C-alpha atoms as a PDB file:
ATOM      1  CA  UNK A   1       0.211  -0.033   0.736  1.00  0.00           C
ATOM      2  CA  UNK A   2       3.049   2.021   0.445  1.00  0.00           C
ATOM      3  CA  UNK A   3       4.788   2.008  -2.696  1.00  0.00           C
ATOM      4  CA  UNK A   4       1.188   2.224  -4.273  1.00  0.00           C
ATOM      5  CA  UNK A   5       1.116   5.942  -2.262  1.00  0.00           C
ATOM      6  CA  UNK A   6       4.480   6.735  -3.833  1.00  0.00           C
ATOM      7  CA  UNK A   7       4.282   5.864  -6.208  1.00  0.00           C
ATOM      8  CA  UNK A   8       0.920   8.215  -6.867  1.00  0.00           C
ATOM      9  CA  UNK A   9       2.600  11.289  -4.930  1.00  0.00           C
ATOM     10  CA  UNK A  10       5.655  10.746  -7.545  1.00  0.00           C
ATOM     11  CA  UNK A  11       3.207  10.452 -10.964  1.00  0.00           C
ATOM     12  CA  UNK A  12       1.206  13.351  -9.116  1.00  0.00           C
ATOM     13  CA  UNK A  13       4.562  16.019  -8.841  1.00  0.00           C
ATOM     14  CA  UNK A  14       5.723  14.455 -12.150  1.00  0.00           C
ATOM     15  CA  UNK A  15       2.313  15.287 -14.517  1.00  0.00           C
ATOM     16  CA  UNK A  16       1.842  19.399 -12.209  1.00  0.00           C
ATOM     17  CA  UNK A  17       6.092  19.754 -13.584  1.00  0.00           C
ATOM     18  CA  UNK A  18       4.918  18.993 -17.045  1.00  0.00           C
ATOM     19  CA  UNK A  19       1.390  21.492 -16.710  1.00  0.00           C
ATOM     20  CA  UNK A  20       3.684  24.090 -15.321  1.00  0.00           C
ATOM     21  CA  UNK A  21       4.743  26.953 -17.269  1.00  0.00           C
ATOM     22  CA  UNK A  22       7.672  29.663 -16.036  1.00  0.00           C
ATOM     23  CA  UNK A  23       6.626  33.359 -16.053  1.00  0.00           C
ATOM     24  CA  UNK A  24       2.384  31.875 -15.900  1.00  0.00           C
ATOM     25  CA  UNK A  25       0.717  34.320 -13.690  1.00  0.00           C
ATOM     26  CA  UNK A  26      -1.845  31.301 -13.678  1.00  0.00           C
ATOM     27  CA  UNK A  27      -2.320  27.285 -12.117  1.00  0.00           C
ATOM     28  CA  UNK A  28      -3.478  26.674 -14.867  1.00  0.00           C
ATOM     29  CA  UNK A  29      -3.364  24.553 -18.292  1.00  0.00           C
ATOM     30  CA  UNK A  30      -3.001  26.171 -20.974  1.00  0.00           C
ATOM     31  CA  UNK A  31      -1.171  29.200 -19.730  1.00  0.00           C
ATOM     32  CA  UNK A  32      -3.566  31.982 -20.583  1.00  0.00           C
ATOM     33  CA  UNK A  33      -2.155  34.673 -18.813  1.00  0.00           C
ATOM     34  CA  UNK A  34       1.754  35.794 -18.826  1.00  0.00           C
ATOM     35  CA  UNK A  35       3.442  37.729 -16.120  1.00  0.00           C
ATOM     36  CA  UNK A  36       4.816  41.281 -16.959  1.00  0.00           C
ATOM     37  CA  UNK A  37       7.581  41.033 -19.902  1.00  0.00           C
ATOM     38  CA  UNK A  38       6.740  37.820 -20.572  1.00  0.00           C
ATOM     39  CA  UNK A  39       4.865  37.213 -24.495  1.00  0.00           C
ATOM     40  CA  UNK A  40       2.433  33.901 -23.817  1.00  0.00           C
ATOM     41  CA  UNK A  41       2.712  32.233 -27.647  1.00  0.00           C
ATOM     42  CA  UNK A  42       0.265  30.369 -29.355  1.00  0.00           C
ATOM     43  CA  UNK A  43      -1.650  27.548 -27.583  1.00  0.00           C
ATOM     44  CA  UNK A  44       0.059  28.247 -24.131  1.00  0.00           C
ATOM     45  CA  UNK A  45       2.949  26.560 -23.710  1.00  0.00           C
ATOM     46  CA  UNK A  46       5.256  28.773 -23.075  1.00  0.00           C
ATOM     47  CA  UNK A  47       5.447  32.806 -21.825  1.00  0.00           C
ATOM     48  CA  UNK A  48       8.623  34.216 -23.376  1.00  0.00           C
ATOM     49  CA  UNK A  49      10.599  36.697 -20.891  1.00  0.00           C
ATOM     50  CA  UNK A  50      11.167  39.842 -23.302  1.00  0.00           C
ATOM     51  CA  UNK A  51       9.930  38.102 -26.367  1.00  0.00           C
ATOM     52  CA  UNK A  52       8.504  40.479 -29.213  1.00  0.00           C
ATOM     53  CA  UNK A  53       7.956  38.115 -31.746  1.00  0.00           C
ATOM     54  CA  UNK A  54       7.679  34.203 -31.891  1.00  0.00           C
ATOM     55  CA  UNK A  55       8.965  31.493 -34.227  1.00  0.00           C
ATOM     56  CA  UNK A  56       5.460  29.896 -36.872  1.00  0.00           C
ATOM     57  CA  UNK A  57       7.306  27.882 -38.722  1.00  0.00           C
ATOM     58  CA  UNK A  58       6.704  24.355 -37.794  1.00  0.00           C
ATOM     59  CA  UNK A  59       9.629  22.462 -36.938  1.00  0.00           C
ATOM     60  CA  UNK A  60      12.059  22.343 -33.630  1.00  0.00           C
ATOM     61  CA  UNK A  61      11.638  25.857 -32.371  1.00  0.00           C
ATOM     62  CA  UNK A  62       8.385  26.657 -32.945  1.00  0.00           C
ATOM     63  CA  UNK A  63       6.844  28.533 -29.990  1.00  0.00           C
ATOM     64  CA  UNK A  64       9.599  29.301 -29.471  1.00  0.00           C
ATOM     65  CA  UNK A  65      10.930  33.297 -29.507  1.00  0.00           C
ATOM     66  CA  UNK A  66      11.733  34.066 -33.177  1.00  0.00           C
ATOM     67  CA  UNK A  67      13.066  38.705 -31.981  1.00  0.00           C
ATOM     68  CA  UNK A  68      13.433  39.726 -28.977  1.00  0.00           C
ATOM     69  CA  UNK A  69      11.638  43.475 -27.704  1.00  0.00           C
ATOM     70  CA  UNK A  70      14.667  46.163 -28.101  1.00  0.00           C
ATOM     71  CA  UNK A  71      17.387  46.179 -25.186  1.00  0.00           C
ATOM     72  CA  UNK A  72      17.476  42.485 -25.291  1.00  0.00           C
ATOM     73  CA  UNK A  73      19.635  39.895 -26.553  1.00  0.00           C
ATOM     74  CA  UNK A  74      17.603  36.571 -27.688  1.00  0.00           C
ATOM     75  CA  UNK A  75      18.877  32.658 -25.812  1.00  0.00           C
ATOM     76  CA  UNK A  76      20.639  30.831 -27.404  1.00  0.00           C
ATOM     77  CA  UNK A  77      18.099  28.258 -26.922  1.00  0.00           C
ATOM     78  CA  UNK A  78      15.639  30.994 -28.132  1.00  0.00           C
ATOM     79  CA  UNK A  79      13.336  30.112 -24.549  1.00  0.00           C
ATOM     80  CA  UNK A  80      13.528  33.703 -24.011  1.00  0.00           C
ATOM     81  CA  UNK A  81      16.090  36.845 -24.091  1.00  0.00           C
ATOM     82  CA  UNK A  82      18.671  38.624 -22.172  1.00  0.00           C
ATOM     83  CA  UNK A  83      17.744  42.556 -20.965  1.00  0.00           C
ATOM     84  CA  UNK A  84      20.502  43.941 -21.580  1.00  0.00           C
ATOM     85  CA  UNK A  85      22.764  41.959 -22.304  1.00  0.00           C
ATOM     86  CA  UNK A  86      25.443  41.668 -25.302  1.00  0.00           C
ATOM     87  CA  UNK A  87      27.450  38.281 -24.877  1.00  0.00           C
ATOM     88  CA  UNK A  88      25.439  35.025 -23.207  1.00  0.00           C
ATOM     89  CA  UNK A  89      26.983  32.570 -21.590  1.00  0.00           C
ATOM     90  CA  UNK A  90      27.340  28.991 -23.301  1.00  0.00           C
ATOM     91  CA  UNK A  91      27.871  25.815 -21.902  1.00  0.00           C
ATOM     92  CA  UNK A  92      26.878  25.648 -18.438  1.00  0.00           C
ATOM     93  CA  UNK A  93      26.048  29.257 -18.678  1.00  0.00           C
ATOM     94  CA  UNK A  94      23.920  29.471 -20.810  1.00  0.00           C
ATOM     95  CA  UNK A  95      20.994  31.383 -20.057  1.00  0.00           C
ATOM     96  CA  UNK A  96      22.715  33.850 -18.544  1.00  0.00           C
ATOM     97  CA  UNK A  97      24.530  37.096 -19.766  1.00  0.00           C
ATOM     98  CA  UNK A  98      28.933  37.315 -19.362  1.00  0.00           C
ATOM     99  CA  UNK A  99      29.069  40.445 -20.466  1.00  0.00           C
ATOM    100  CA  UNK A 100      26.360  43.751 -20.499  1.00  0.00           C
ATOM    101  CA  UNK A 101      26.017  46.800 -22.958  1.00  0.00           C
ATOM    102  CA  UNK A 102      26.635  49.742 -22.266  1.00  0.00           C
ATOM    103  CA  UNK A 103      25.006  52.089 -19.246  1.00  0.00           C
ATOM    104  CA  UNK A 104      24.596  48.122 -18.087  1.00  0.00           C
ATOM    105  CA  UNK A 105      26.019  46.389 -15.041  1.00  0.00           C
ATOM    106  CA  UNK A 106      26.845  42.763 -14.547  1.00  0.00           C
ATOM    107  CA  UNK A 107      25.957  40.855 -11.052  1.00  0.00           C
ATOM    108  CA  UNK A 108      27.202  37.872 -10.407  1.00  0.00           C
ATOM    109  CA  UNK A 109      23.268  35.819 -11.356  1.00  0.00           C
ATOM    110  CA  UNK A 110      24.463  36.690 -14.292  1.00  0.00           C
ATOM    111  CA  UNK A 111      22.486  39.152 -14.989  1.00  0.00           C
ATOM    112  CA  UNK A 112      22.704  43.194 -15.700  1.00  0.00           C
ATOM    113  CA  UNK A 113      21.285  46.139 -14.584  1.00  0.00           C
ATOM    114  CA  UNK A 114      20.497  49.639 -16.009  1.00  0.00           C
ATOM    115  CA  UNK A 115      22.226  52.796 -14.282  1.00  0.00           C
ATOM    116  CA  UNK A 116      23.774  50.455 -11.980  1.00  0.00           C
ATOM    117  CA  UNK A 117      27.544  51.688 -11.142  1.00  0.00           C
ATOM    118  CA  UNK A 118      28.912  48.627  -8.670  1.00  0.00           C
ATOM    119  CA  UNK A 119      27.004  44.886  -8.212  1.00  0.00           C
ATOM    120  CA  UNK A 120      26.843  43.228  -5.096  1.00  0.00           C
ATOM    121  CA  UNK A 121      29.375  40.542  -5.352  1.00  0.00           C
ATOM    122  CA  UNK A 122      27.758  37.867  -2.671  1.00  0.00           C
ATOM    123  CA  UNK A 123      27.823  34.481  -4.249  1.00  0.00           C
ATOM    124  CA  UNK A 124      24.960  33.852  -7.369  1.00  0.00           C
ATOM    125  CA  UNK A 125      23.601  37.202  -6.786  1.00  0.00           C
ATOM    126  CA  UNK A 126      21.236  39.581  -8.591  1.00  0.00           C
ATOM    127  CA  UNK A 127      21.259  42.454  -6.808  1.00  0.00           C
ATOM    128  CA  UNK A 128      23.451  46.615  -7.079  1.00  0.00           C
ATOM    129  CA  UNK A 129      24.724  47.967  -4.727  1.00  0.00           C
ATOM    130  CA  UNK A 130      25.048  51.311  -6.019  1.00  0.00           C
ATOM    131  CA  UNK A 131      23.503  52.633  -8.468  1.00  0.00           C
ATOM    132  CA  UNK A 132      25.111  55.755 -10.757  1.00  0.00           C
ATOM    133  CA  UNK A 133      22.757  57.977  -9.058  1.00  0.00           C
ATOM    134  CA  UNK A 134      22.668  56.057  -5.694  1.00  0.00           C
ATOM    135  CA  UNK A 135      19.068  57.524  -3.826  1.00  0.00           C
ATOM    136  CA  UNK A 136      17.815  55.737  -7.338  1.00  0.00           C
ATOM    137  CA  UNK A 137      18.206  52.119  -5.474  1.00  0.00           C
ATOM    138  CA  UNK A 138      15.119  49.902  -5.695  1.00  0.00           C
ATOM    139  CA  UNK A 139      13.492  48.634  -1.421  1.00  0.00           C
ATOM    140  CA  UNK A 140      14.904  45.219  -3.449  1.00  0.00           C
ATOM    141  CA  UNK A 141      18.332  45.623  -4.459  1.00  0.00           C
ATOM    142  CA  UNK A 142      17.025  45.133  -8.204  1.00  0.00           C
ATOM    143  CA  UNK A 143      16.738  48.304 -10.106  1.00  0.00           C
ATOM    144  CA  UNK A 144      17.807  51.863  -9.703  1.00  0.00           C
ATOM    145  CA  UNK A 145      14.438  52.997 -10.670  1.00  0.00           C
ATOM    146  CA  UNK A 146      13.788  55.694  -8.552  1.00  0.00           C
ATOM    147  CA  UNK A 147      11.496  55.502  -5.832  1.00  0.00           C
ATOM    148  CA  UNK A 148      10.710  52.043  -6.441  1.00  0.00           C
ATOM    149  CA  UNK A 149      10.265  49.602  -3.817  1.00  0.00           C
ATOM    150  CA  UNK A 150       9.811  45.946  -5.436  1.00  0.00           C
ATOM    151  CA  UNK A 151      11.574  44.929  -8.719  1.00  0.00           C
ATOM    152  CA  UNK A 152       9.714  42.817 -11.975  1.00  0.00           C
ATOM    153  CA  UNK A 153      11.477  40.655 -13.694  1.00  0.00           C
ATOM    154  CA  UNK A 154      14.570  42.741 -14.667  1.00  0.00           C
ATOM    155  CA  UNK A 155      15.487  46.245 -14.100  1.00  0.00           C
ATOM    156  CA  UNK A 156      14.060  47.926 -16.422  1.00  0.00           C
ATOM    157  CA  UNK A 157      10.231  46.906 -14.310  1.00  0.00           C
ATOM    158  CA  UNK A 158       8.989  47.929 -11.206  1.00  0.00           C
ATOM    159  CA  UNK A 159       6.218  46.255  -9.857  1.00  0.00           C
ATOM    160  CA  UNK A 160       5.437  48.358  -6.869  1.00  0.00           C
ATOM    161  CA  UNK A 161       6.336  52.186  -5.763  1.00  0.00           C
ATOM    162  CA  UNK A 162       6.718  53.437  -2.515  1.00  0.00           C
ATOM    163  CA  UNK A 163       4.786  54.935  -0.370  1.00  0.00           C
ATOM    164  CA  UNK A 164       3.742  58.021  -1.051  1.00  0.00           C
ATOM    165  CA  UNK A 165       4.423  57.542  -4.992  1.00  0.00           C
ATOM    166  CA  UNK A 166       2.289  56.236  -8.378  1.00  0.00           C
ATOM    167  CA  UNK A 167       3.989  53.726 -10.618  1.00  0.00           C
ATOM    168  CA  UNK A 168       3.932  54.876 -14.301  1.00  0.00           C
ATOM    169  CA  UNK A 169       2.011  52.738 -17.027  1.00  0.00           C
ATOM    170  CA  UNK A 170       4.936  51.256 -18.040  1.00  0.00           C
ATOM    171  CA  UNK A 171       6.261  50.585 -14.754  1.00  0.00           C
ATOM    172  CA  UNK A 172       9.187  52.350 -16.004  1.00  0.00           C
ATOM    173  CA  UNK A 173       9.287  54.940 -13.199  1.00  0.00           C
ATOM    174  CA  UNK A 174       8.069  56.278 -10.061  1.00  0.00           C
ATOM    175  CA  UNK A 175       6.199  59.934  -9.810  1.00  0.00           C
ATOM    176  CA  UNK A 176       5.053  61.810  -5.891  1.00  0.00           C
ATOM    177  CA  UNK A 177       1.516  61.102  -5.056  1.00  0.00           C
ATOM    178  CA  UNK A 178      -0.310  64.769  -5.092  1.00  0.00           C
ATOM    179  CA  UNK A 179      -1.948  64.831  -1.702  1.00  0.00           C
ATOM    180  CA  UNK A 180      -5.108  66.471  -1.556  1.00  0.00           C
ATOM    181  CA  UNK A 181      -3.714  69.876   0.165  1.00  0.00           C
ATOM    182  CA  UNK A 182      -1.466  70.362  -2.870  1.00  0.00           C
ATOM    183  CA  UNK A 183      -4.503  69.526  -5.681  1.00  0.00           C
ATOM    184  CA  UNK A 184      -6.695  72.178  -4.097  1.00  0.00           C
ATOM    185  CA  UNK A 185      -3.048  74.587  -3.990  1.00  0.00           C
ATOM    186  CA  UNK A 186      -3.114  74.179  -8.187  1.00  0.00           C
ATOM    187  CA  UNK A 187      -6.611  74.545  -8.439  1.00  0.00           C
ATOM    188  CA  UNK A 188      -7.028  78.086  -6.346  1.00  0.00           C
ATOM    189  CA  UNK A 189      -3.620  78.943  -8.950  1.00  0.00           C
ATOM    190  CA  UNK A 190      -5.282  77.876 -11.951  1.00  0.00           C
ATOM    191  CA  UNK A 191      -8.292  80.272 -10.873  1.00  0.00           C
ATOM    192  CA  UNK A 192      -6.199  83.022  -9.776  1.00  0.00           C
ATOM    193  CA  UNK A 193      -4.563  83.092 -13.377  1.00  0.00           C
ATOM    194  CA  UNK A 194      -8.714  82.614 -14.722  1.00  0.00           C
ATOM    195  CA  UNK A 195     -10.171  85.178 -12.683  1.00  0.00           C
ATOM    196  CA  UNK A 196      -6.610  87.499 -13.406  1.00  0.00           C
ATOM    197  CA  UNK A 197      -6.804  87.641 -16.938  1.00  0.00           C
ATOM    198  CA  UNK A 198     -10.881  88.028 -16.986  1.00  0.00           C
ATOM    199  CA  UNK A 199     -10.026  91.304 -15.312  1.00  0.00           C
ATOM    200  CA  UNK A 200      -7.895  92.512 -17.150  1.00  0.00           C
ATOM    201  CA  UNK A 201      -9.707  91.255 -20.580  1.00  0.00           C
ATOM    202  CA  UNK A 202     -12.950  93.520 -18.511  1.00  0.00           C
ATOM    203  CA  UNK A 203     -10.472  96.198 -18.603  1.00  0.00           C
ATOM    204  CA  UNK A 204      -9.374  96.069 -21.569  1.00  0.00           C
ATOM    205  CA  UNK A 205     -13.012  96.654 -22.781  1.00  0.00           C
ATOM    206  CA  UNK A 206     -13.622  99.442 -20.321  1.00  0.00           C
ATOM    207  CA  UNK A 207     -10.402 101.512 -21.375  1.00  0.00           C
END
């Protein structure tokens, strides 16, 4: 009985591993929605990171990545793209970056962070230690986006800003959220300007 139970558990884990799609934001199979920064291929079998278009021609590469978004390098296995990468590693280092493009810093994890000055030297760390502008370092240390709290899959995207800041539509920056008092002051200023213009116009008609 115990043997049957063990076999069932192993088989279940094997099946679930086949159903899981890396980068998918839902647990169903096939994948219906991928996380930010990923492209869902036809059929929902893969979420291709940094990918712009997929291979549609019949063959071994069908459903993999064909071209990358600007600023990304296509991996040799075509299963995704490397952000800010200039040279991809080979053999055991395949799928990681060994040299970054200008303006990016290579981390111990083989990723590239835009605007990073010095990277964390801890083994396998993907974090930045200091940015070219130190105040821009995100709370999680994974990007140099000013006032970012939590970074997305790469240093290009922020998923959550620090308190008091609002995430931009493209998720590339955090801007200070205006308080109600500030909004009222802006409204007063605009109203004052309107009244002033009307007064000057009225005086012009009189004289």
